[in-house]
Amino acid sequence: MRSGHQQNPMKKNHKNGYTLVELLAVMIILVAVGTIISSILVSVLRASNKSTNTETVRRNGNSAIAQMSKMISYAQSFNGVYDEIAQQWTDCVDSFPTTKYYDLKITSFDYDTTTFICADSKIASQSSEGNTIYLVDPSLDVTCYFNCTQESAAAPAKIDIFLDIKTNSSGLFSESQAGTNGIDFETSVIIKNSASR
């Protein structure tokens, strides 16, 4: 008989811990779950950004259209539109309905002259004192113009206002833009006081 303790060859020596295969499997599962969560978060943020930009554009466009319509409609007199070819202010009597004008001038009942100016991707109103107020947030990109028709010098002028507004974003995703071509706003205004130039 042998004295001492003899190890059974069938019995393996187990240490507490994880094998390399088990660690790799857990890492693959964590990467997969992380990728899924990241893609969901990116989608939610993109949709939220698009919704916010669209709402900002709509709010600014509706406000600008309403303000211009009210001021033009209730002006004391219509001073004309600026003809860039002739480089002078003119009424709308001989104007083609499709001619685009980028400056329009009115006189309000407090005898202040207001000029609406579409230039440099902005739209602004400028008073006779030189005060300029942007009608749309200057961070937005605006394309605007006016059409003008008038049957005779005694008839009221009909002004068509056209705005195309989009976000001026350099984001990587298309959702950062409020539509590829922006959002269009348009309205027609007939000047209630027919005392033209």
Protein backbone atom coordinates (compact mmCIF):
# COMPACT_ATOMS: atom_id res chain seq x y z
CA MET A 1 0.00 0.00 0.00
CA ARG A 2 1.08 3.29 -0.84
CA SER A 3 0.93 6.02 1.53
CA GLY A 4 0.03 9.51 0.50
CA HIS A 5 -2.57 10.99 -1.66
CA GLN A 6 -2.78 10.04 -5.30
CA GLN A 7 -4.55 12.12 -7.94
CA ASN A 8 -7.06 10.57 -10.18
CA PRO A 9 -5.93 11.06 -13.79
CA MET A 10 -9.55 11.51 -14.96
CA LYS A 11 -10.08 14.42 -12.67
CA LYS A 12 -9.14 17.73 -14.32
CA ASN A 13 -7.86 20.73 -12.58
CA HIS A 14 -10.52 23.51 -12.98
CA LYS A 15 -9.77 27.09 -12.11
CA ASN A 16 -12.43 29.73 -11.74
CA GLY A 17 -12.60 32.06 -14.78
CA TYR A 18 -13.79 32.40 -18.36
CA THR A 19 -12.31 30.94 -21.47
CA LEU A 20 -11.29 33.04 -24.44
CA VAL A 21 -14.22 31.74 -26.47
CA GLU A 22 -16.69 32.80 -23.78
CA LEU A 23 -15.17 36.32 -23.61
CA LEU A 24 -15.31 36.69 -27.41
CA ALA A 25 -18.95 35.58 -27.48
CA VAL A 26 -19.89 38.17 -24.83
CA MET A 27 -18.00 40.92 -26.70
CA ILE A 28 -19.78 40.07 -29.97
CA ILE A 29 -23.16 40.22 -28.23
CA LEU A 30 -22.33 43.58 -26.61
CA VAL A 31 -21.17 45.06 -29.95
CA ALA A 32 -24.37 43.87 -31.67
CA VAL A 33 -26.61 45.32 -28.94
CA GLY A 34 -24.62 48.59 -28.95
CA THR A 35 -24.98 48.90 -32.74
CA ILE A 36 -28.74 48.38 -32.57
CA ILE A 37 -29.15 50.96 -29.77
CA SER A 38 -26.94 53.48 -31.61
CA SER A 39 -28.91 53.16 -34.85
CA ILE A 40 -32.19 53.66 -32.97
CA LEU A 41 -30.84 56.79 -31.25
CA VAL A 42 -29.52 58.23 -34.53
CA SER A 43 -32.89 57.65 -36.22
CA VAL A 44 -34.77 59.34 -33.38
CA LEU A 45 -32.40 62.34 -33.37
CA ARG A 46 -32.60 62.71 -37.15
CA ALA A 47 -36.40 62.69 -37.10
CA SER A 48 -36.47 65.17 -34.23
CA ASN A 49 -34.04 67.50 -36.04
CA LYS A 50 -36.11 67.42 -39.24
CA SER A 51 -39.31 68.12 -37.32
CA THR A 52 -37.72 71.05 -35.46
CA ASN A 53 -36.31 72.57 -38.67
CA THR A 54 -39.61 72.19 -40.52
CA GLU A 55 -41.50 73.87 -37.67
CA THR A 56 -38.99 76.75 -37.57
CA VAL A 57 -39.33 77.31 -41.33
CA ARG A 58 -43.15 77.18 -41.20
CA ARG A 59 -43.35 79.58 -38.27
CA ASN A 60 -41.01 82.10 -39.94
CA GLY A 61 -42.70 81.84 -43.34
CA ASN A 62 -46.23 82.23 -41.99
CA SER A 63 -45.17 85.19 -39.86
CA ALA A 64 -43.42 86.97 -42.76
CA ILE A 65 -46.34 86.42 -45.16
CA ALA A 66 -48.88 87.65 -42.59
CA GLN A 67 -46.85 90.74 -41.69
CA MET A 68 -46.20 91.76 -45.32
CA SER A 69 -49.82 91.08 -46.34
CA LYS A 70 -51.19 93.22 -43.54
CA MET A 71 -48.78 96.11 -44.14
CA ILE A 72 -49.31 96.12 -47.93
CA SER A 73 -53.08 95.65 -47.76
CA TYR A 74 -53.62 98.51 -45.31
CA ALA A 75 -50.97 100.90 -46.65
CA GLN A 76 -51.95 104.49 -47.32
CA SER A 77 -50.39 104.26 -50.75
CA PHE A 78 -48.43 101.95 -52.99
CA ASN A 79 -45.19 103.57 -54.10
CA GLY A 80 -44.24 100.92 -56.63
CA VAL A 81 -41.75 98.19 -57.33
CA TYR A 82 -38.13 98.61 -58.31
CA ASP A 83 -37.43 97.75 -61.94
CA GLU A 84 -33.83 96.54 -62.00
CA ILE A 85 -33.55 96.82 -65.79
CA ALA A 86 -34.71 100.45 -65.93
CA GLN A 87 -33.17 101.08 -62.48
CA GLN A 88 -36.15 103.05 -61.25
CA TRP A 89 -39.31 102.73 -59.20
CA THR A 90 -42.39 102.02 -61.28
CA ASP A 91 -46.06 101.23 -60.82
CA CYS A 92 -47.59 97.97 -62.00
CA VAL A 93 -49.72 99.28 -64.88
CA ASP A 94 -47.38 98.15 -67.66
CA SER A 95 -45.94 95.23 -65.75
CA PHE A 96 -46.13 91.64 -67.00
CA PRO A 97 -47.72 89.34 -64.39
CA THR A 98 -44.64 87.06 -64.43
CA THR A 99 -42.03 89.81 -63.96
CA LYS A 100 -40.12 89.27 -60.74
CA TYR A 101 -39.42 92.27 -58.55
CA TYR A 102 -37.18 92.17 -55.50
CA ASP A 103 -38.06 95.53 -53.92
CA LEU A 104 -41.50 96.91 -53.11
CA LYS A 105 -42.29 100.24 -51.46
CA ILE A 106 -45.39 101.40 -49.57
CA THR A 107 -46.35 104.38 -47.41
CA SER A 108 -48.26 103.68 -44.22
CA PHE A 109 -50.81 105.98 -42.58
CA ASP A 110 -48.18 107.44 -40.28
CA TYR A 111 -46.42 108.63 -43.49
CA ASP A 112 -43.51 106.30 -42.93
CA THR A 113 -42.20 104.68 -46.09
CA THR A 114 -41.46 100.96 -45.86
CA THR A 115 -39.45 99.06 -48.43
CA PHE A 116 -39.57 95.27 -48.57
CA ILE A 117 -36.23 94.00 -49.83
CA CYS A 118 -35.41 90.50 -51.11
CA ALA A 119 -31.62 90.24 -51.29
CA ASP A 120 -28.69 88.09 -50.14
CA SER A 121 -30.97 85.14 -49.22
CA LYS A 122 -32.85 87.37 -46.76
CA ILE A 123 -36.07 89.35 -46.67
CA ALA A 124 -36.26 92.56 -44.71
CA SER A 125 -38.35 95.67 -44.30
CA GLN A 126 -36.56 98.98 -44.22
CA SER A 127 -38.14 102.16 -42.93
CA SER A 128 -37.52 105.62 -44.35
CA GLU A 129 -35.30 106.26 -41.31
CA GLY A 130 -33.03 103.40 -42.38
CA ASN A 131 -34.11 100.87 -39.72
CA THR A 132 -33.89 97.36 -41.14
CA ILE A 133 -35.92 94.49 -39.68
CA TYR A 134 -35.50 90.93 -40.92
CA LEU A 135 -38.90 89.34 -41.48
CA VAL A 136 -37.41 85.83 -41.42
CA ASP A 137 -34.71 84.56 -39.09
CA PRO A 138 -31.38 85.51 -40.78
CA SER A 139 -30.05 81.99 -40.18
CA LEU A 140 -32.59 80.68 -42.72
CA ASP A 141 -32.05 80.80 -46.46
CA VAL A 142 -34.81 82.79 -48.22
CA THR A 143 -35.60 83.16 -51.91
CA CYS A 144 -38.30 85.76 -52.46
CA TYR A 145 -39.83 87.98 -55.10
CA PHE A 146 -42.97 89.93 -55.90
CA ASN A 147 -45.26 89.94 -58.94
CA CYS A 148 -47.35 93.01 -59.55
CA THR A 149 -50.37 93.72 -61.77
CA GLN A 150 -52.58 96.78 -62.08
CA GLU A 151 -55.31 97.38 -64.68
CA SER A 152 -54.93 101.16 -64.65
CA ALA A 153 -53.32 103.90 -62.60
CA ALA A 154 -56.65 104.38 -60.76
CA ALA A 155 -57.15 100.65 -60.08
CA PRO A 156 -55.70 98.98 -56.99
CA ALA A 157 -52.49 97.04 -57.45
CA LYS A 158 -52.48 93.30 -56.92
CA ILE A 159 -49.25 92.08 -55.31
CA ASP A 160 -48.25 88.42 -55.33
CA ILE A 161 -45.68 87.50 -52.66
CA PHE A 162 -43.52 84.41 -53.10
CA LEU A 163 -41.16 82.99 -50.46
CA ASP A 164 -39.10 79.81 -50.51
CA ILE A 165 -37.46 79.18 -47.13
CA LYS A 166 -35.08 76.44 -46.08
CA THR A 167 -32.64 75.86 -43.29
CA ASN A 168 -29.10 76.93 -44.01
CA SER A 169 -27.56 73.82 -42.47
CA SER A 170 -24.31 72.08 -43.24
CA GLY A 171 -25.39 68.91 -41.48
CA LEU A 172 -24.35 65.49 -42.73
CA PHE A 173 -27.88 64.16 -42.92
CA SER A 174 -30.57 65.20 -45.36
CA GLU A 175 -32.94 65.50 -42.41
CA SER A 176 -31.11 68.65 -41.33
CA GLN A 177 -32.74 70.37 -44.30
CA ALA A 178 -36.45 71.17 -44.21
CA GLY A 179 -37.00 69.69 -47.65
CA THR A 180 -34.53 69.73 -50.51
CA ASN A 181 -36.09 72.79 -52.13
CA GLY A 182 -37.37 74.34 -48.92
CA ILE A 183 -40.97 75.18 -48.12
CA ASP A 184 -42.92 77.51 -50.41
CA PHE A 185 -45.17 80.29 -49.15
CA GLU A 186 -47.25 82.52 -51.37
CA THR A 187 -50.17 84.88 -51.16
CA SER A 188 -51.86 87.64 -53.14
CA VAL A 189 -52.71 91.03 -51.68
CA ILE A 190 -54.88 93.76 -53.16
CA ILE A 191 -54.07 97.20 -51.83
CA LYS A 192 -57.26 98.49 -50.23
CA ASN A 193 -56.37 102.15 -50.69
CA SER A 194 -56.09 102.60 -54.43
CA ALA A 195 -54.16 105.87 -54.22
CA SER A 196 -51.10 104.66 -56.10
CA ARG A 197 -48.07 106.66 -57.03
